N, C-alpha and C. Protein backbone atom coordinates (compact mmCIF):
# COMPACT_ATOMS: atom_id res chain seq x y z
N UNK A 1 -10.50 -22.82 -8.01
CA UNK A 1 -9.86 -24.32 -7.13
C UNK A 1 -8.61 -23.52 -6.18
N UNK A 2 -9.17 -24.14 -4.99
CA UNK A 2 -8.11 -23.62 -4.05
C UNK A 2 -6.92 -24.73 -4.26
N UNK A 3 -5.52 -24.10 -4.30
CA UNK A 3 -4.55 -25.28 -4.36
C UNK A 3 -4.07 -25.35 -3.60
N UNK A 4 -3.82 -26.62 -2.98
CA UNK A 4 -3.16 -27.55 -1.91
C UNK A 4 -2.29 -27.85 -1.31
N UNK A 5 -1.78 -25.85 -0.68
CA UNK A 5 -0.07 -25.99 -0.66
C UNK A 5 0.46 -25.95 0.28
N UNK A 6 1.57 -26.99 0.27
CA UNK A 6 2.03 -26.81 2.61
C UNK A 6 2.16 -25.57 2.36
N UNK A 7 1.85 -25.40 4.00
CA UNK A 7 2.88 -24.05 4.36
C UNK A 7 4.00 -23.34 4.62
N UNK A 8 4.00 -22.29 3.99
CA UNK A 8 5.50 -21.88 4.17
C UNK A 8 6.15 -21.91 6.02
N UNK A 9 7.26 -22.09 5.48
CA UNK A 9 8.11 -22.27 6.94
C UNK A 9 8.42 -20.70 7.43
N UNK A 10 8.40 -20.47 8.60
CA UNK A 10 8.42 -18.88 9.21
C UNK A 10 9.40 -19.09 10.27
N UNK A 11 10.04 -17.64 9.82
CA UNK A 11 11.42 -17.64 11.58
C UNK A 11 10.54 -17.06 12.20
N UNK A 12 11.49 -17.63 13.58
CA UNK A 12 11.43 -17.18 14.53
C UNK A 12 11.10 -15.89 15.00
N UNK A 13 11.45 -14.98 14.47
CA UNK A 13 11.66 -13.94 14.51
C UNK A 13 10.45 -12.92 13.65
N UNK A 14 9.49 -13.34 12.57
CA UNK A 14 9.15 -13.10 11.68
C UNK A 14 8.86 -12.18 11.73
N UNK A 15 10.00 -11.76 10.15
CA UNK A 15 10.83 -10.38 9.46
C UNK A 15 9.33 -10.41 8.37
N UNK A 16 9.98 -9.57 7.99
CA UNK A 16 9.51 -8.69 6.57
C UNK A 16 9.35 -9.96 4.98
N UNK A 17 10.21 -10.67 5.31
CA UNK A 17 10.84 -11.74 4.12
C UNK A 17 9.77 -12.83 4.38
N UNK A 18 9.26 -12.61 5.93
CA UNK A 18 8.40 -13.81 6.51
C UNK A 18 6.91 -13.41 5.47
N UNK A 19 6.19 -12.07 5.77
CA UNK A 19 5.20 -11.53 5.92
C UNK A 19 4.78 -11.84 3.96
N UNK A 20 6.67 -11.36 3.00
CA UNK A 20 6.37 -11.50 1.76
C UNK A 20 5.86 -13.37 1.04
N UNK A 21 6.67 -14.28 2.19
CA UNK A 21 6.47 -15.29 1.83
C UNK A 21 4.89 -15.94 2.06
N UNK A 22 3.83 -15.42 3.26
CA UNK A 22 2.70 -15.63 3.12
C UNK A 22 1.96 -15.31 2.66
N UNK A 23 2.32 -13.78 1.86
CA UNK A 23 1.89 -13.16 0.94
C UNK A 23 1.46 -13.88 -0.41
N UNK A 24 2.79 -14.36 -0.89
CA UNK A 24 2.94 -14.89 -2.10
C UNK A 24 2.53 -16.93 -2.48
N UNK A 25 2.28 -16.91 -0.98
CA UNK A 25 1.77 -18.62 -0.72
C UNK A 25 0.76 -18.29 -0.56
N UNK A 26 -0.01 -17.29 -0.55
CA UNK A 26 -2.28 -17.41 -0.48
C UNK A 26 -2.03 -16.91 -1.82
N UNK A 27 -1.59 -16.35 -2.18
CA UNK A 27 -2.20 -15.59 -3.88
C UNK A 27 -1.57 -17.17 -4.60
N UNK A 28 -0.64 -18.09 -4.75
CA UNK A 28 -0.60 -19.20 -5.42
C UNK A 28 -1.38 -19.63 -4.91
N UNK A 29 -2.10 -20.06 -3.63
CA UNK A 29 -3.34 -20.62 -3.53
C UNK A 29 -4.54 -20.45 -3.83
N UNK A 30 -4.86 -19.14 -4.42
CA UNK A 30 -5.78 -18.65 -4.79
C UNK A 30 -6.16 -18.22 -5.83
N UNK A 31 -4.69 -18.44 -6.68
CA UNK A 31 -5.06 -17.69 -7.77
C UNK A 31 -6.13 -18.24 -9.32
N UNK A 32 -6.38 -19.33 -8.88
CA UNK A 32 -7.23 -19.25 -9.49
C UNK A 32 -9.04 -20.11 -8.90
N UNK A 33 -8.59 -19.48 -8.00
CA UNK A 33 -10.61 -19.35 -7.19
C UNK A 33 -10.91 -18.86 -7.70
N UNK A 34 -12.79 -19.03 -7.93
CA UNK A 34 -13.45 -17.64 -7.75
C UNK A 34 -13.67 -16.86 -6.83
N UNK A 35 -14.05 -16.02 -7.04
CA UNK A 35 -14.67 -14.95 -6.36
C UNK A 35 -15.38 -15.69 -4.98
N UNK A 36 -16.58 -17.03 -5.59
CA UNK A 36 -17.34 -17.63 -4.09
C UNK A 36 -16.06 -17.91 -3.30
N UNK A 37 -15.15 -18.98 -4.73
CA UNK A 37 -14.42 -19.86 -3.22
C UNK A 37 -13.24 -18.97 -2.50
N UNK A 38 -13.46 -17.67 -3.05
CA UNK A 38 -12.33 -17.21 -1.97
C UNK A 38 -12.68 -16.31 -1.02
N UNK A 39 -13.89 -15.96 -1.04
CA UNK A 39 -15.15 -14.96 -0.06
C UNK A 39 -15.28 -16.30 0.97
N UNK A 40 -15.77 -17.73 0.71
CA UNK A 40 -15.48 -19.11 1.80
C UNK A 40 -13.89 -18.83 2.38
N UNK A 41 -12.84 -19.04 1.68
CA UNK A 41 -11.44 -18.89 2.20
C UNK A 41 -11.76 -18.20 2.83
N UNK A 42 -11.85 -16.74 2.93
CA UNK A 42 -11.05 -15.45 3.67
C UNK A 42 -12.28 -15.49 4.88
N UNK A 43 -14.02 -15.99 5.24
CA UNK A 43 -14.42 -16.01 5.96
C UNK A 43 -14.15 -17.55 6.52
N UNK A 44 -14.37 -18.60 6.17
CA UNK A 44 -13.32 -19.70 7.30
C UNK A 44 -11.83 -18.91 7.75
N UNK A 45 -11.79 -18.22 7.63
CA UNK A 45 -10.19 -17.99 8.24
C UNK A 45 -10.33 -17.10 8.80
N UNK A 46 -11.41 -15.97 9.30
CA UNK A 46 -11.40 -15.22 10.63
C UNK A 46 -11.40 -15.69 11.52
N UNK A 47 -11.90 -16.60 12.10
CA UNK A 47 -11.80 -17.54 13.66
C UNK A 47 -10.07 -17.25 14.19
N UNK A 48 -9.97 -17.76 12.73
CA UNK A 48 -8.13 -18.39 13.31
C UNK A 48 -7.29 -17.01 13.36
N UNK A 49 -7.72 -16.10 12.34
CA UNK A 49 -7.09 -14.77 12.95
C UNK A 49 -7.43 -14.45 14.17
N UNK A 50 -8.29 -14.26 14.46
CA UNK A 50 -8.41 -13.53 15.92
C UNK A 50 -8.39 -14.64 16.94
N UNK A 51 -7.88 -15.75 17.15
CA UNK A 51 -7.20 -16.97 17.48
C UNK A 51 -5.88 -16.31 17.65
N UNK A 52 -5.39 -16.14 16.60
CA UNK A 52 -3.70 -15.80 16.74
C UNK A 52 -2.91 -15.14 17.96
N UNK A 53 -2.11 -15.67 18.18
CA UNK A 53 -1.30 -14.53 19.42
C UNK A 53 -0.69 -13.56 18.93
N UNK A 54 -0.77 -12.66 19.39
CA UNK A 54 -0.33 -11.16 19.16
C UNK A 54 0.97 -11.08 20.14
N UNK A 55 1.86 -10.67 19.59
CA UNK A 55 3.17 -10.19 19.25
C UNK A 55 3.64 -9.18 20.41
N UNK A 56 4.24 -9.33 21.24
CA UNK A 56 4.20 -7.67 22.33
C UNK A 56 5.14 -7.01 21.52
N UNK A 57 4.38 -5.92 21.69
CA UNK A 57 5.14 -4.30 21.31
C UNK A 57 6.55 -4.48 21.39
N UNK A 58 7.20 -3.82 20.59
CA UNK A 58 9.42 -3.69 20.85
C UNK A 58 8.98 -1.97 21.85
N UNK A 59 9.81 -2.25 22.67
CA UNK A 59 10.02 -1.55 23.23
C UNK A 59 10.97 -0.33 22.70
N UNK A 60 11.00 0.44 22.35
CA UNK A 60 12.09 1.89 21.89
C UNK A 60 13.21 2.91 23.12
């Protein structure tokens, strides 16, 4: 079963902490899901991932 948990709030600067928050949110959503449900979830997420806005590289 995939849990319906509200999306977490991510900071404007997208920090390492935000990555931890997203990973925890994803774990909580999928912790009771079957392998088939997880596979479906990730397959449906790929198009959204590919459309995501890329962040510009930092100049050093």
